[in-house]
Amino acid sequence: MLPAVTSQQPPALSPGNPKREDPDEPVPIDEPGPGRSEPEAPPPEEVAG
């Protein structure tokens, strides 16, 4: 019975969070992780400097 409940947990979250269907996939670029403090491309000021 335990394995059956665990199997139903992931699908139950699918409809609630369609964006996080695959936990194996990395976090989307739209939401950078807490460790990534700098954006993908540095500001124009830094490039000119």
N, C-alpha and C. Protein backbone atom coordinates (compact mmCIF):
# COMPACT_ATOMS: atom_id res chain seq x y z
N MET A 1 0.85 -1.21 0.00
CA MET A 1 0.00 0.00 0.00
C MET A 1 0.88 1.26 0.00
N LEU A 2 2.00 1.21 0.70
CA LEU A 2 2.87 2.39 0.75
C LEU A 2 3.33 2.80 -0.65
N PRO A 3 3.85 1.85 -1.44
CA PRO A 3 4.33 2.22 -2.79
C PRO A 3 3.23 2.83 -3.63
N ALA A 4 1.98 2.38 -3.44
CA ALA A 4 0.86 2.90 -4.25
C ALA A 4 0.65 4.38 -3.92
N VAL A 5 0.72 4.73 -2.64
CA VAL A 5 0.50 6.13 -2.25
C VAL A 5 1.63 7.00 -2.79
N THR A 6 2.86 6.50 -2.71
CA THR A 6 4.00 7.29 -3.20
C THR A 6 3.88 7.52 -4.70
N SER A 7 3.30 6.53 -5.40
CA SER A 7 3.19 6.65 -6.86
C SER A 7 2.13 7.70 -7.21
N GLN A 8 1.16 7.90 -6.34
CA GLN A 8 0.09 8.86 -6.63
C GLN A 8 0.52 10.28 -6.28
N GLN A 9 1.54 10.44 -5.45
CA GLN A 9 1.96 11.79 -5.05
C GLN A 9 2.47 12.61 -6.24
N PRO A 10 3.43 12.10 -7.02
CA PRO A 10 3.97 12.88 -8.16
C PRO A 10 2.88 13.32 -9.14
N PRO A 11 2.01 12.41 -9.61
CA PRO A 11 0.96 12.79 -10.56
C PRO A 11 0.01 13.82 -9.95
N ALA A 12 -0.21 13.76 -8.65
CA ALA A 12 -1.13 14.71 -8.01
C ALA A 12 -0.56 16.13 -8.12
N LEU A 13 0.78 16.25 -8.09
CA LEU A 13 1.38 17.59 -8.18
C LEU A 13 1.44 18.07 -9.63
N SER A 14 1.37 17.15 -10.57
CA SER A 14 1.47 17.54 -11.99
C SER A 14 0.43 18.60 -12.34
N PRO A 15 -0.86 18.36 -12.10
CA PRO A 15 -1.88 19.35 -12.45
C PRO A 15 -1.70 20.64 -11.67
N GLY A 16 -1.21 20.54 -10.43
CA GLY A 16 -1.02 21.75 -9.61
C GLY A 16 0.16 22.56 -10.13
N ASN A 17 1.27 21.90 -10.42
CA ASN A 17 2.47 22.60 -10.91
C ASN A 17 2.89 21.99 -12.25
N PRO A 18 2.26 22.39 -13.33
CA PRO A 18 2.60 21.83 -14.65
C PRO A 18 4.03 22.18 -15.04
N LYS A 19 4.55 23.29 -14.53
CA LYS A 19 5.92 23.70 -14.90
C LYS A 19 6.95 22.78 -14.25
N ARG A 20 6.62 22.21 -13.10
CA ARG A 20 7.59 21.35 -12.40
C ARG A 20 7.19 19.89 -12.56
N GLU A 21 6.79 19.52 -13.76
CA GLU A 21 6.38 18.13 -14.01
C GLU A 21 7.57 17.19 -13.81
N ASP A 22 8.73 17.57 -14.35
CA ASP A 22 9.92 16.71 -14.26
C ASP A 22 10.88 17.25 -13.21
N PRO A 23 10.91 16.65 -12.01
CA PRO A 23 11.84 17.09 -10.97
C PRO A 23 13.29 16.90 -11.39
N ASP A 24 13.53 15.99 -12.35
CA ASP A 24 14.91 15.76 -12.81
C ASP A 24 15.43 16.97 -13.58
N GLU A 25 14.53 17.71 -14.23
CA GLU A 25 14.98 18.86 -15.03
C GLU A 25 15.48 19.98 -14.11
N PRO A 26 16.47 20.74 -14.53
CA PRO A 26 17.00 21.84 -13.71
C PRO A 26 15.99 22.97 -13.60
N VAL A 27 16.23 23.88 -12.66
CA VAL A 27 15.30 25.00 -12.48
C VAL A 27 15.32 25.88 -13.73
N PRO A 28 14.17 26.39 -14.14
CA PRO A 28 14.11 27.23 -15.35
C PRO A 28 14.96 28.48 -15.19
N ILE A 29 15.43 29.04 -16.32
CA ILE A 29 16.28 30.24 -16.26
C ILE A 29 15.49 31.43 -15.72
N ASP A 30 14.17 31.40 -15.93
CA ASP A 30 13.34 32.52 -15.45
C ASP A 30 13.55 32.71 -13.94
N GLU A 31 13.70 31.60 -13.21
CA GLU A 31 13.89 31.72 -11.76
C GLU A 31 15.28 31.20 -11.40
N PRO A 32 16.29 32.04 -11.38
CA PRO A 32 17.66 31.61 -11.05
C PRO A 32 17.73 31.10 -9.61
N GLY A 33 18.59 30.14 -9.38
CA GLY A 33 18.72 29.57 -8.03
C GLY A 33 19.26 30.61 -7.05
N PRO A 34 19.16 30.32 -5.75
CA PRO A 34 19.64 31.26 -4.73
C PRO A 34 21.15 31.45 -4.79
N GLY A 35 21.87 30.46 -5.30
CA GLY A 35 23.33 30.57 -5.38
C GLY A 35 23.77 31.46 -6.53
N ARG A 36 22.92 31.62 -7.53
CA ARG A 36 23.30 32.44 -8.70
C ARG A 36 22.90 33.88 -8.44
N SER A 37 23.81 34.71 -7.95
CA SER A 37 23.46 36.10 -7.61
C SER A 37 23.59 37.00 -8.84
N GLU A 38 24.43 36.63 -9.80
CA GLU A 38 24.58 37.50 -10.98
C GLU A 38 23.77 36.95 -12.15
N PRO A 39 23.18 37.82 -12.96
CA PRO A 39 22.35 37.40 -14.10
C PRO A 39 23.19 36.74 -15.18
N GLU A 40 22.52 36.22 -16.22
CA GLU A 40 23.25 35.55 -17.31
C GLU A 40 24.24 36.51 -17.96
N ALA A 41 23.76 37.68 -18.40
CA ALA A 41 24.63 38.66 -19.06
C ALA A 41 24.88 39.83 -18.11
N PRO A 42 26.14 40.24 -17.95
CA PRO A 42 26.46 41.36 -17.05
C PRO A 42 25.86 42.65 -17.58
N PRO A 43 25.66 43.65 -16.72
CA PRO A 43 25.08 44.93 -17.15
C PRO A 43 25.97 45.62 -18.16
N PRO A 44 25.41 46.52 -18.98
CA PRO A 44 26.21 47.22 -20.02
C PRO A 44 27.35 48.02 -19.40
N GLU A 45 27.15 48.52 -18.20
CA GLU A 45 28.20 49.33 -17.56
C GLU A 45 29.45 48.47 -17.33
N GLU A 46 29.25 47.25 -16.88
CA GLU A 46 30.41 46.39 -16.61
C GLU A 46 31.15 46.07 -17.91
N VAL A 47 30.41 45.86 -18.99
CA VAL A 47 31.04 45.52 -20.27
C VAL A 47 31.87 46.70 -20.76
N ALA A 48 31.32 47.91 -20.62
CA ALA A 48 32.04 49.10 -21.11
C ALA A 48 33.26 49.34 -20.23
N GLY A 49 33.11 49.15 -18.95
CA GLY A 49 34.20 49.41 -18.02
C GLY A 49 35.32 48.43 -18.25
